């Protein structure tokens, strides 16, 4: 983890480990609402790159009643550059997961499945609309990944080799 003060202000604001952790937690919790086994660790690496990319996030937010795989088919721009975004945001995803582990919000089992623990979240009224939209997209992704229930299918559909 890089020293917090050495990061640019923009990075500190958008990629705050607590905000990244909140998005991951919402996705994991909603994944578990459908699939009790827990989210595979490899799928958690896709949440932030899909949520934090403005055009992808806006599209998925508007089409949140449509199946994820159909959204990918209807808008191929979602997968454009996704492999690079996953690589670039990998560090922030890992920081978010470390944060969640530190506050005991998640557990990772021997099979690499992430399960959410019950934690009390205060009202998130202090977030702006753009932040709330990102959190809703993370929840949508958690649910949709659970419905697909095959990480290879998700990775291949996104144009990333599993």
Protein backbone atom coordinates (compact mmCIF):
# COMPACT_ATOMS: atom_id res chain seq x y z
CA UNK A 1 0.00 0.00 0.00
CA UNK A 2 1.41 3.39 -0.98
CA UNK A 3 1.81 6.14 1.55
CA UNK A 4 -1.48 8.05 1.60
CA UNK A 5 0.15 11.49 1.43
CA UNK A 6 2.19 10.55 -1.65
CA UNK A 7 -0.94 9.95 -3.72
CA UNK A 8 -2.47 12.69 -5.87
CA UNK A 9 -5.59 14.30 -4.39
CA UNK A 10 -7.81 12.89 -7.14
CA UNK A 11 -6.61 9.35 -6.43
CA UNK A 12 -7.09 9.84 -2.68
CA UNK A 13 -10.67 11.01 -3.23
CA UNK A 14 -11.92 8.53 -5.82
CA UNK A 15 -9.91 5.47 -4.82
CA UNK A 16 -10.23 5.89 -1.09
CA UNK A 17 -9.87 2.35 0.36
CA UNK A 18 -13.02 2.82 2.44
CA UNK A 19 -15.09 3.81 -0.61
CA UNK A 20 -13.63 0.97 -2.67
CA UNK A 21 -14.38 -1.38 0.24
CA UNK A 22 -17.98 -0.16 0.44
CA UNK A 23 -18.53 -0.95 -3.24
CA UNK A 24 -16.95 -4.36 -2.88
CA UNK A 25 -18.97 -5.10 0.26
CA UNK A 26 -22.26 -4.19 -1.47
CA UNK A 27 -21.41 -6.42 -4.42
CA UNK A 28 -20.38 -9.34 -2.18
CA UNK A 29 -23.45 -8.98 0.04
CA UNK A 30 -25.84 -8.88 -2.93
CA UNK A 31 -24.02 -11.79 -4.57
CA UNK A 32 -24.63 -13.81 -1.40
CA UNK A 33 -28.30 -12.83 -1.46
CA UNK A 34 -28.64 -15.02 -4.55
CA UNK A 35 -25.77 -17.50 -4.21
CA UNK A 36 -25.10 -18.50 -0.59
CA UNK A 37 -21.70 -20.01 -1.45
CA UNK A 38 -20.01 -16.60 -1.56
CA UNK A 39 -18.37 -14.62 -4.35
CA UNK A 40 -15.26 -16.12 -5.95
CA UNK A 41 -12.26 -13.89 -5.27
CA UNK A 42 -11.55 -13.60 -9.00
CA UNK A 43 -14.93 -11.92 -9.60
CA UNK A 44 -14.21 -9.27 -6.97
CA UNK A 45 -11.43 -8.00 -9.23
CA UNK A 46 -14.05 -6.95 -11.82
CA UNK A 47 -16.28 -4.85 -9.56
CA UNK A 48 -14.28 -1.61 -9.32
CA UNK A 49 -13.18 -1.49 -13.00
CA UNK A 50 -16.82 -1.78 -14.08
CA UNK A 51 -18.17 0.62 -11.43
CA UNK A 52 -15.57 3.37 -11.68
CA UNK A 53 -15.55 3.65 -15.48
CA UNK A 54 -17.98 6.51 -16.09
CA UNK A 55 -19.59 5.40 -19.35
CA UNK A 56 -19.89 1.77 -18.23
CA UNK A 57 -21.29 2.75 -14.85
CA UNK A 58 -23.85 5.11 -16.41
CA UNK A 59 -24.96 2.48 -18.91
CA UNK A 60 -25.30 -0.27 -16.30
CA UNK A 61 -27.11 2.10 -13.94
CA UNK A 62 -29.65 2.94 -16.66
CA UNK A 63 -30.04 -0.71 -17.70
CA UNK A 64 -30.10 -2.25 -14.21
CA UNK A 65 -33.23 -4.29 -15.01
CA UNK A 66 -31.48 -6.09 -17.86
CA UNK A 67 -29.32 -9.20 -17.51
CA UNK A 68 -25.61 -8.46 -17.38
CA UNK A 69 -24.69 -10.69 -20.34
CA UNK A 70 -27.36 -9.00 -22.47
CA UNK A 71 -25.97 -5.59 -21.47
CA UNK A 72 -22.52 -6.66 -22.64
CA UNK A 73 -23.95 -7.82 -25.95
CA UNK A 74 -25.95 -4.60 -26.43
CA UNK A 75 -23.05 -2.30 -25.53
CA UNK A 76 -19.62 -3.65 -26.57
CA UNK A 77 -17.98 -0.46 -25.22
CA UNK A 78 -18.27 -2.05 -21.76
CA UNK A 79 -15.49 -4.47 -22.62
CA UNK A 80 -13.37 -1.96 -24.50
CA UNK A 81 -10.20 -1.50 -22.46
CA UNK A 82 -11.57 -3.50 -19.54
CA UNK A 83 -8.49 -5.71 -19.30
CA UNK A 84 -6.32 -2.63 -18.79
CA UNK A 85 -8.76 -1.14 -16.25
CA UNK A 86 -8.71 -4.40 -14.29
CA UNK A 87 -4.90 -4.29 -14.18
CA UNK A 88 -4.85 -0.59 -13.26
CA UNK A 89 -7.42 -0.94 -10.46
CA UNK A 90 -6.12 -4.22 -9.08
CA UNK A 91 -4.15 -2.43 -6.33
CA UNK A 92 -7.23 -0.49 -5.21
CA UNK A 93 -9.36 -3.64 -5.20
CA UNK A 94 -6.80 -5.41 -3.01
CA UNK A 95 -6.66 -2.38 -0.67
CA UNK A 96 -10.47 -2.44 -0.42
CA UNK A 97 -10.44 -6.15 0.40
CA UNK A 98 -7.72 -5.61 3.01
CA UNK A 99 -9.85 -2.85 4.53
CA UNK A 100 -12.88 -5.17 4.68
CA UNK A 101 -10.80 -7.92 6.27
CA UNK A 102 -9.38 -5.45 8.80
CA UNK A 103 -12.83 -4.35 9.97
CA UNK A 104 -14.07 -7.96 9.90
CA UNK A 105 -16.69 -7.22 7.24
CA UNK A 106 -15.76 -10.23 5.09
CA UNK A 107 -14.19 -13.67 5.33
CA UNK A 108 -12.31 -15.53 2.63
CA UNK A 109 -12.48 -19.32 2.86
CA UNK A 110 -9.97 -21.94 1.66
CA UNK A 111 -11.68 -22.14 -1.74
CA UNK A 112 -11.26 -18.40 -2.34
CA UNK A 113 -14.93 -17.57 -1.80
CA UNK A 114 -15.65 -14.24 -0.13
CA UNK A 115 -18.53 -14.05 2.32
CA UNK A 116 -19.92 -10.90 3.87
CA UNK A 117 -20.36 -10.59 7.62
CA UNK A 118 -23.22 -8.55 8.97
CA UNK A 119 -22.03 -5.05 9.71
CA UNK A 120 -24.00 -1.96 10.47
CA UNK A 121 -23.76 0.67 7.77
CA UNK A 122 -24.82 4.17 8.63
CA UNK A 123 -26.96 6.09 6.22
CA UNK A 124 -25.04 7.10 3.17
CA UNK A 125 -26.73 10.44 2.63
CA UNK A 126 -23.39 12.22 2.72
CA UNK A 127 -22.45 10.71 -0.64
CA UNK A 128 -23.26 12.64 -3.78
CA UNK A 129 -25.43 11.24 -6.53
CA UNK A 130 -22.46 10.00 -8.53
CA UNK A 131 -21.15 8.01 -5.56
CA UNK A 132 -24.59 6.55 -4.87
CA UNK A 133 -24.84 5.55 -8.53
CA UNK A 134 -21.50 3.71 -8.31
CA UNK A 135 -22.67 1.85 -5.19
CA UNK A 136 -25.92 0.81 -6.92
CA UNK A 137 -23.97 -0.46 -9.92
CA UNK A 138 -21.75 -2.51 -7.58
CA UNK A 139 -24.88 -4.07 -6.06
CA UNK A 140 -26.25 -4.77 -9.54
CA UNK A 141 -22.99 -6.48 -10.52
CA UNK A 142 -23.05 -8.64 -7.41
CA UNK A 143 -26.56 -9.85 -8.18
CA UNK A 144 -25.87 -10.40 -11.87
CA UNK A 145 -22.63 -12.28 -11.26
CA UNK A 146 -24.51 -14.58 -8.88
CA UNK A 147 -27.22 -15.20 -11.46
CA UNK A 148 -24.66 -16.18 -14.10
CA UNK A 149 -22.96 -18.36 -11.45
CA UNK A 150 -19.96 -19.19 -13.63
CA UNK A 151 -16.87 -17.04 -13.41
CA UNK A 152 -15.43 -18.44 -16.65
CA UNK A 153 -18.53 -17.33 -18.55
CA UNK A 154 -18.29 -13.86 -17.02
CA UNK A 155 -14.59 -13.49 -17.82
CA UNK A 156 -14.95 -14.82 -21.37
CA UNK A 157 -17.98 -12.58 -22.00
CA UNK A 158 -15.91 -9.60 -20.89
CA UNK A 159 -13.07 -10.56 -23.23
CA UNK A 160 -10.67 -11.52 -20.45
CA UNK A 161 -8.98 -14.91 -20.34
CA UNK A 162 -9.82 -16.65 -17.04
